Amino acid sequence: MEISRMRSSLPLEILLYFNARYSTIFYIFLIGVFIYKFSLMPYSLHIGICESFIVLLLGPVDFIRIHWARRGNLTETQAFLLLSILLSVASIVGCVYLLYFQAYLLFPEQIAVYAELAFVTIGAILVIPTSIFLYNKK
């Protein structure tokens, strides 16, 4: 009888579990903050539409990133892990835009975006050794 060894990463799975919960709360909060800012602050129409599009695009990208990272980790499939790294880059770029380039930034929003950026960065850092370990499995 052959003993099966699980090669998935427990720290990555724990981080993805908490990241999925935080991301849901984060995007609900972010949409609420944008509605608040659009109603009280003097946004020009094209800037408001562009920033709304970026916020609405980051939610599905982050959901797919977390889903593919979990799937790649649990099924020990390197392709899903590498795709989640590519989506991590997109999420990091979106967070950097929200922190430094948007028209108005509220302090609670800044704290929430820094926390999301930390989750995404740590997740990408944990996915890299997991992917290398799965590649060496062959």
N, C-alpha and C. Protein backbone atom coordinates (compact mmCIF):
# COMPACT_ATOMS: atom_id res chain seq x y z
N MET A 1 0.84 -1.17 0.00
CA MET A 1 0.00 0.00 0.00
C MET A 1 0.89 1.24 0.00
N GLU A 2 0.62 2.13 -0.93
CA GLU A 2 1.43 3.33 -1.07
C GLU A 2 0.84 4.46 -0.22
N ILE A 3 1.72 5.15 0.49
CA ILE A 3 1.29 6.26 1.33
C ILE A 3 1.24 7.53 0.49
N SER A 4 0.12 8.19 0.53
CA SER A 4 -0.07 9.44 -0.20
C SER A 4 0.36 10.61 0.67
N ARG A 5 1.15 11.51 0.10
CA ARG A 5 1.59 12.70 0.83
C ARG A 5 0.89 13.93 0.26
N MET A 6 0.28 14.66 1.15
CA MET A 6 -0.37 15.90 0.74
C MET A 6 0.68 17.00 0.69
N ARG A 7 0.72 17.71 -0.43
CA ARG A 7 1.73 18.75 -0.60
C ARG A 7 1.14 20.16 -0.60
N SER A 8 -0.12 20.28 -0.27
CA SER A 8 -0.71 21.61 -0.23
C SER A 8 -0.21 22.36 1.01
N SER A 9 -0.27 23.68 0.94
CA SER A 9 0.29 24.54 1.98
C SER A 9 -0.80 24.97 2.96
N LEU A 10 -0.65 24.59 4.21
CA LEU A 10 -1.62 24.99 5.23
C LEU A 10 -1.58 26.49 5.51
N PRO A 11 -0.40 27.13 5.63
CA PRO A 11 -0.41 28.59 5.85
C PRO A 11 -1.09 29.36 4.71
N LEU A 12 -0.89 28.89 3.47
CA LEU A 12 -1.54 29.54 2.34
C LEU A 12 -3.06 29.36 2.42
N GLU A 13 -3.50 28.18 2.79
CA GLU A 13 -4.94 27.92 2.89
C GLU A 13 -5.59 28.76 3.99
N ILE A 14 -4.91 28.89 5.12
CA ILE A 14 -5.43 29.73 6.21
C ILE A 14 -5.51 31.18 5.77
N LEU A 15 -4.46 31.67 5.10
CA LEU A 15 -4.47 33.05 4.62
C LEU A 15 -5.59 33.27 3.61
N LEU A 16 -5.78 32.32 2.69
CA LEU A 16 -6.83 32.47 1.69
C LEU A 16 -8.22 32.44 2.32
N TYR A 17 -8.38 31.65 3.37
CA TYR A 17 -9.66 31.59 4.08
C TYR A 17 -10.01 32.96 4.65
N PHE A 18 -9.06 33.55 5.38
CA PHE A 18 -9.32 34.86 5.97
C PHE A 18 -9.38 35.97 4.92
N ASN A 19 -8.59 35.83 3.86
CA ASN A 19 -8.61 36.82 2.79
C ASN A 19 -9.95 36.83 2.07
N ALA A 20 -10.56 35.67 1.89
CA ALA A 20 -11.87 35.61 1.24
C ALA A 20 -12.91 36.34 2.08
N ARG A 21 -12.87 36.15 3.39
CA ARG A 21 -13.83 36.84 4.26
C ARG A 21 -13.57 38.34 4.27
N TYR A 22 -12.30 38.73 4.38
CA TYR A 22 -11.97 40.16 4.43
C TYR A 22 -12.30 40.84 3.10
N SER A 23 -12.02 40.17 1.99
CA SER A 23 -12.28 40.78 0.68
C SER A 23 -13.75 41.07 0.47
N THR A 24 -14.61 40.18 0.94
CA THR A 24 -16.05 40.42 0.82
C THR A 24 -16.45 41.68 1.59
N ILE A 25 -16.00 41.76 2.83
CA ILE A 25 -16.30 42.94 3.65
C ILE A 25 -15.65 44.19 3.05
N PHE A 26 -14.42 44.04 2.55
CA PHE A 26 -13.68 45.17 1.98
C PHE A 26 -14.41 45.77 0.79
N TYR A 27 -14.89 44.94 -0.13
CA TYR A 27 -15.53 45.48 -1.32
C TYR A 27 -16.91 46.06 -1.04
N ILE A 28 -17.63 45.50 -0.08
CA ILE A 28 -18.89 46.12 0.34
C ILE A 28 -18.60 47.49 0.96
N PHE A 29 -17.58 47.55 1.81
CA PHE A 29 -17.18 48.82 2.42
C PHE A 29 -16.72 49.82 1.35
N LEU A 30 -15.93 49.35 0.39
CA LEU A 30 -15.39 50.23 -0.64
C LEU A 30 -16.51 50.81 -1.51
N ILE A 31 -17.49 50.01 -1.86
CA ILE A 31 -18.62 50.51 -2.65
C ILE A 31 -19.41 51.53 -1.84
N GLY A 32 -19.59 51.26 -0.55
CA GLY A 32 -20.28 52.23 0.31
C GLY A 32 -19.52 53.54 0.42
N VAL A 33 -18.21 53.46 0.54
CA VAL A 33 -17.39 54.68 0.62
C VAL A 33 -17.46 55.46 -0.68
N PHE A 34 -17.45 54.76 -1.82
CA PHE A 34 -17.53 55.47 -3.10
C PHE A 34 -18.89 56.14 -3.27
N ILE A 35 -19.96 55.49 -2.84
CA ILE A 35 -21.27 56.14 -2.89
C ILE A 35 -21.27 57.39 -2.01
N TYR A 36 -20.69 57.27 -0.83
CA TYR A 36 -20.59 58.41 0.08
C TYR A 36 -19.78 59.55 -0.54
N LYS A 37 -18.63 59.21 -1.14
CA LYS A 37 -17.78 60.25 -1.73
C LYS A 37 -18.44 60.90 -2.94
N PHE A 38 -19.12 60.12 -3.77
CA PHE A 38 -19.77 60.69 -4.95
C PHE A 38 -20.91 61.63 -4.56
N SER A 39 -21.56 61.33 -3.45
CA SER A 39 -22.69 62.18 -3.06
C SER A 39 -22.25 63.46 -2.34
N LEU A 40 -21.08 63.46 -1.69
CA LEU A 40 -20.67 64.63 -0.92
C LEU A 40 -19.53 65.43 -1.53
N MET A 41 -18.68 64.81 -2.33
CA MET A 41 -17.50 65.50 -2.83
C MET A 41 -17.68 65.87 -4.30
N PRO A 42 -17.00 66.93 -4.73
CA PRO A 42 -17.19 67.40 -6.12
C PRO A 42 -16.38 66.57 -7.13
N TYR A 43 -16.93 65.45 -7.54
CA TYR A 43 -16.31 64.61 -8.57
C TYR A 43 -16.75 65.09 -9.94
N SER A 44 -15.82 65.12 -10.90
CA SER A 44 -16.26 65.31 -12.28
C SER A 44 -16.78 63.96 -12.78
N LEU A 45 -17.63 63.98 -13.76
CA LEU A 45 -18.33 62.77 -14.18
C LEU A 45 -17.37 61.70 -14.70
N HIS A 46 -16.40 62.07 -15.53
CA HIS A 46 -15.51 61.06 -16.11
C HIS A 46 -14.59 60.44 -15.06
N ILE A 47 -14.15 61.20 -14.08
CA ILE A 47 -13.32 60.64 -13.01
C ILE A 47 -14.14 59.69 -12.15
N GLY A 48 -15.36 60.06 -11.85
CA GLY A 48 -16.23 59.20 -11.06
C GLY A 48 -16.53 57.89 -11.76
N ILE A 49 -16.77 57.94 -13.07
CA ILE A 49 -17.05 56.72 -13.83
C ILE A 49 -15.81 55.84 -13.88
N CYS A 50 -14.64 56.41 -14.13
CA CYS A 50 -13.40 55.62 -14.20
C CYS A 50 -13.08 54.96 -12.87
N GLU A 51 -13.20 55.70 -11.78
CA GLU A 51 -12.90 55.12 -10.47
C GLU A 51 -13.94 54.08 -10.07
N SER A 52 -15.19 54.29 -10.43
CA SER A 52 -16.21 53.27 -10.16
C SER A 52 -15.93 52.00 -10.94
N PHE A 53 -15.51 52.15 -12.18
CA PHE A 53 -15.18 50.99 -13.01
C PHE A 53 -14.02 50.21 -12.40
N ILE A 54 -13.01 50.90 -11.91
CA ILE A 54 -11.86 50.23 -11.29
C ILE A 54 -12.29 49.48 -10.04
N VAL A 55 -13.10 50.10 -9.20
CA VAL A 55 -13.56 49.43 -7.98
C VAL A 55 -14.42 48.22 -8.31
N LEU A 56 -15.32 48.36 -9.28
CA LEU A 56 -16.19 47.24 -9.64
C LEU A 56 -15.42 46.13 -10.36
N LEU A 57 -14.30 46.45 -10.96
CA LEU A 57 -13.48 45.44 -11.62
C LEU A 57 -12.60 44.67 -10.64
N LEU A 58 -12.18 45.33 -9.56
CA LEU A 58 -11.29 44.68 -8.60
C LEU A 58 -11.97 43.56 -7.82
N GLY A 59 -13.25 43.68 -7.57
CA GLY A 59 -13.98 42.65 -6.82
C GLY A 59 -13.93 41.28 -7.48
N PRO A 60 -14.38 41.16 -8.74
CA PRO A 60 -14.31 39.86 -9.41
C PRO A 60 -12.88 39.35 -9.61
N VAL A 61 -11.95 40.26 -9.88
CA VAL A 61 -10.55 39.83 -10.04
C VAL A 61 -10.04 39.21 -8.75
N ASP A 62 -10.35 39.82 -7.62
CA ASP A 62 -9.89 39.29 -6.34
C ASP A 62 -10.60 37.97 -6.01
N PHE A 63 -11.89 37.87 -6.33
CA PHE A 63 -12.62 36.62 -6.09
C PHE A 63 -12.00 35.48 -6.90
N ILE A 64 -11.72 35.73 -8.18
CA ILE A 64 -11.12 34.69 -9.03
C ILE A 64 -9.72 34.35 -8.55
N ARG A 65 -8.96 35.36 -8.12
CA ARG A 65 -7.60 35.11 -7.61
C ARG A 65 -7.63 34.18 -6.41
N ILE A 66 -8.51 34.45 -5.46
CA ILE A 66 -8.60 33.61 -4.26
C ILE A 66 -9.09 32.21 -4.63
N HIS A 67 -10.08 32.12 -5.52
CA HIS A 67 -10.62 30.82 -5.92
C HIS A 67 -9.55 29.97 -6.61
N TRP A 68 -8.81 30.57 -7.54
CA TRP A 68 -7.78 29.81 -8.24
C TRP A 68 -6.63 29.42 -7.32
N ALA A 69 -6.26 30.28 -6.39
CA ALA A 69 -5.19 29.94 -5.46
C ALA A 69 -5.62 28.78 -4.55
N ARG A 70 -6.85 28.82 -4.06
CA ARG A 70 -7.35 27.71 -3.22
C ARG A 70 -7.43 26.42 -4.03
N ARG A 71 -7.95 26.54 -5.24
CA ARG A 71 -8.08 25.34 -6.08
C ARG A 71 -6.71 24.76 -6.41
N GLY A 72 -5.76 25.62 -6.76
CA GLY A 72 -4.41 25.14 -7.06
C GLY A 72 -3.73 24.54 -5.85
N ASN A 73 -3.97 25.11 -4.67
CA ASN A 73 -3.35 24.61 -3.45
C ASN A 73 -3.96 23.26 -3.06
N LEU A 74 -5.27 23.15 -3.09
CA LEU A 74 -5.92 21.92 -2.63
C LEU A 74 -5.79 20.78 -3.63
N THR A 75 -5.81 21.08 -4.93
CA THR A 75 -5.66 20.02 -5.93
C THR A 75 -4.21 19.81 -6.34
N GLU A 76 -3.33 20.62 -5.77
CA GLU A 76 -1.89 20.56 -6.06
C GLU A 76 -1.62 20.75 -7.55
N THR A 77 -2.27 21.75 -8.13
CA THR A 77 -2.14 22.08 -9.54
C THR A 77 -1.38 23.39 -9.66
N GLN A 78 -0.23 23.32 -10.31
CA GLN A 78 0.63 24.49 -10.40
C GLN A 78 0.04 25.57 -11.31
N ALA A 79 -0.70 25.20 -12.34
CA ALA A 79 -1.24 26.19 -13.28
C ALA A 79 -2.17 27.18 -12.59
N PHE A 80 -3.04 26.69 -11.72
CA PHE A 80 -3.95 27.60 -11.02
C PHE A 80 -3.18 28.54 -10.08
N LEU A 81 -2.12 28.04 -9.48
CA LEU A 81 -1.31 28.89 -8.61
C LEU A 81 -0.62 29.99 -9.40
N LEU A 82 -0.11 29.65 -10.58
CA LEU A 82 0.55 30.66 -11.40
C LEU A 82 -0.44 31.70 -11.92
N LEU A 83 -1.65 31.25 -12.27
CA LEU A 83 -2.68 32.21 -12.69
C LEU A 83 -3.09 33.13 -11.55
N SER A 84 -3.11 32.59 -10.33
CA SER A 84 -3.45 33.45 -9.19
C SER A 84 -2.35 34.47 -8.92
N ILE A 85 -1.10 34.14 -9.22
CA ILE A 85 -0.02 35.12 -9.08
C ILE A 85 -0.22 36.26 -10.08
N LEU A 86 -0.62 35.93 -11.31
CA LEU A 86 -0.88 36.99 -12.29
C LEU A 86 -2.03 37.89 -11.85
N LEU A 87 -3.06 37.30 -11.28
CA LEU A 87 -4.17 38.12 -10.79
C LEU A 87 -3.78 38.89 -9.53
N SER A 88 -2.81 38.36 -8.77
CA SER A 88 -2.30 39.10 -7.62
C SER A 88 -1.64 40.40 -8.06
N VAL A 89 -0.92 40.33 -9.17
CA VAL A 89 -0.29 41.54 -9.71
C VAL A 89 -1.37 42.57 -10.07
N ALA A 90 -2.46 42.12 -10.69
CA ALA A 90 -3.55 43.04 -11.03
C ALA A 90 -4.19 43.62 -9.77
N SER A 91 -4.36 42.81 -8.73
CA SER A 91 -4.94 43.31 -7.48
C SER A 91 -4.01 44.31 -6.80
N ILE A 92 -2.71 44.04 -6.84
CA ILE A 92 -1.74 44.97 -6.24
C ILE A 92 -1.76 46.30 -6.98
N VAL A 93 -1.82 46.26 -8.31
CA VAL A 93 -1.89 47.50 -9.09
C VAL A 93 -3.16 48.27 -8.76
N GLY A 94 -4.27 47.57 -8.60
CA GLY A 94 -5.53 48.22 -8.23
C GLY A 94 -5.45 48.86 -6.85
N CYS A 95 -4.85 48.16 -5.90
CA CYS A 95 -4.70 48.72 -4.54
C CYS A 95 -3.78 49.94 -4.54
N VAL A 96 -2.70 49.88 -5.32
CA VAL A 96 -1.80 51.03 -5.41
C VAL A 96 -2.53 52.22 -6.03
N TYR A 97 -3.35 51.96 -7.04
CA TYR A 97 -4.14 53.06 -7.61
C TYR A 97 -5.07 53.66 -6.56
N LEU A 98 -5.75 52.80 -5.81
CA LEU A 98 -6.68 53.31 -4.80
C LEU A 98 -5.95 54.10 -3.72
N LEU A 99 -4.72 53.74 -3.42
CA LEU A 99 -3.98 54.45 -2.38
C LEU A 99 -3.38 55.77 -2.84
N TYR A 100 -2.86 55.81 -4.06
CA TYR A 100 -2.05 56.96 -4.46
C TYR A 100 -2.62 57.81 -5.59
N PHE A 101 -3.53 57.28 -6.40
CA PHE A 101 -3.91 58.01 -7.60
C PHE A 101 -5.39 58.39 -7.69
N GLN A 102 -6.22 57.94 -6.77
CA GLN A 102 -7.63 58.32 -6.88
C GLN A 102 -7.83 59.76 -6.42
N ALA A 103 -8.96 60.32 -6.79
CA ALA A 103 -9.21 61.75 -6.55
C ALA A 103 -9.29 62.08 -5.06
N TYR A 104 -10.07 61.34 -4.30
CA TYR A 104 -10.24 61.59 -2.87
C TYR A 104 -10.02 60.28 -2.12
N LEU A 105 -9.28 60.34 -1.02
CA LEU A 105 -9.02 59.15 -0.21
C LEU A 105 -9.35 59.47 1.24
N LEU A 106 -10.29 58.73 1.78
CA LEU A 106 -10.66 58.90 3.19
C LEU A 106 -9.76 58.01 4.05
N PHE A 107 -9.54 58.41 5.29
CA PHE A 107 -8.63 57.67 6.17
C PHE A 107 -9.08 56.23 6.43
N PRO A 108 -10.36 55.96 6.73
CA PRO A 108 -10.77 54.55 6.90
C PRO A 108 -10.59 53.73 5.62
N GLU A 109 -10.79 54.37 4.49
CA GLU A 109 -10.57 53.70 3.21
C GLU A 109 -9.10 53.36 3.03
N GLN A 110 -8.22 54.26 3.43
CA GLN A 110 -6.79 54.04 3.32
C GLN A 110 -6.36 52.84 4.16
N ILE A 111 -6.86 52.75 5.38
CA ILE A 111 -6.53 51.62 6.25
C ILE A 111 -7.03 50.31 5.64
N ALA A 112 -8.25 50.31 5.12
CA ALA A 112 -8.82 49.10 4.52
C ALA A 112 -8.03 48.67 3.29
N VAL A 113 -7.61 49.62 2.47
CA VAL A 113 -6.85 49.27 1.26
C VAL A 113 -5.46 48.75 1.63
N TYR A 114 -4.82 49.33 2.65
CA TYR A 114 -3.53 48.80 3.10
C TYR A 114 -3.67 47.37 3.61
N ALA A 115 -4.74 47.06 4.32
CA ALA A 115 -4.96 45.69 4.80
C ALA A 115 -5.17 44.74 3.62
N GLU A 116 -5.94 45.16 2.62
CA GLU A 116 -6.15 44.32 1.44
C GLU A 116 -4.84 44.13 0.69
N LEU A 117 -4.05 45.18 0.57
CA LEU A 117 -2.75 45.08 -0.08
C LEU A 117 -1.84 44.11 0.66
N ALA A 118 -1.88 44.12 1.98
CA ALA A 118 -1.08 43.18 2.77
C ALA A 118 -1.54 41.74 2.52
N PHE A 119 -2.85 41.50 2.52
CA PHE A 119 -3.36 40.16 2.24
C PHE A 119 -2.91 39.66 0.87
N VAL A 120 -3.05 40.50 -0.15
CA VAL A 120 -2.70 40.09 -1.51
C VAL A 120 -1.20 39.84 -1.63
N THR A 121 -0.39 40.71 -1.05
CA THR A 121 1.07 40.55 -1.14
C THR A 121 1.55 39.31 -0.41
N ILE A 122 1.08 39.10 0.81
CA ILE A 122 1.48 37.91 1.56
C ILE A 122 0.99 36.66 0.86
N GLY A 123 -0.21 36.70 0.29
CA GLY A 123 -0.72 35.56 -0.46
C GLY A 123 0.16 35.24 -1.67
N ALA A 124 0.57 36.26 -2.40
CA ALA A 124 1.44 36.04 -3.56
C ALA A 124 2.79 35.49 -3.12
N ILE A 125 3.30 35.98 -2.00
CA ILE A 125 4.58 35.48 -1.49
C ILE A 125 4.46 34.02 -1.07
N LEU A 126 3.33 33.61 -0.51
CA LEU A 126 3.14 32.22 -0.11
C LEU A 126 2.85 31.30 -1.29
N VAL A 127 2.26 31.84 -2.35
CA VAL A 127 1.95 31.01 -3.53
C VAL A 127 3.23 30.62 -4.26
N ILE A 128 4.22 31.49 -4.28
CA ILE A 128 5.45 31.21 -5.04
C ILE A 128 6.16 29.96 -4.53
N PRO A 129 6.47 29.82 -3.22
CA PRO A 129 7.14 28.58 -2.79
C PRO A 129 6.25 27.34 -2.92
N THR A 130 4.94 27.52 -2.76
CA THR A 130 4.04 26.38 -2.95
C THR A 130 4.09 25.90 -4.39
N SER A 131 4.10 26.83 -5.33
CA SER A 131 4.18 26.48 -6.74
C SER A 131 5.51 25.81 -7.08
N ILE A 132 6.59 26.32 -6.51
CA ILE A 132 7.91 25.70 -6.74
C ILE A 132 7.95 24.30 -6.15
N PHE A 133 7.37 24.13 -4.97
CA PHE A 133 7.34 22.82 -4.33
C PHE A 133 6.53 21.83 -5.16
N LEU A 134 5.42 22.27 -5.74
CA LEU A 134 4.62 21.38 -6.58
C LEU A 134 5.34 21.06 -7.88
N TYR A 135 6.13 22.01 -8.40
CA TYR A 135 6.90 21.74 -9.62
C TYR A 135 7.97 20.70 -9.35
N ASN A 136 8.60 20.76 -8.19
CA ASN A 136 9.64 19.79 -7.84
C ASN A 136 9.06 18.42 -7.51
N LYS A 137 7.76 18.33 -7.33
CA LYS A 137 7.09 17.07 -7.03
C LYS A 137 7.20 16.11 -8.20
N LYS A 138 7.23 16.66 -9.42
CA LYS A 138 7.23 15.81 -10.62
C LYS A 138 8.45 15.02 -10.70
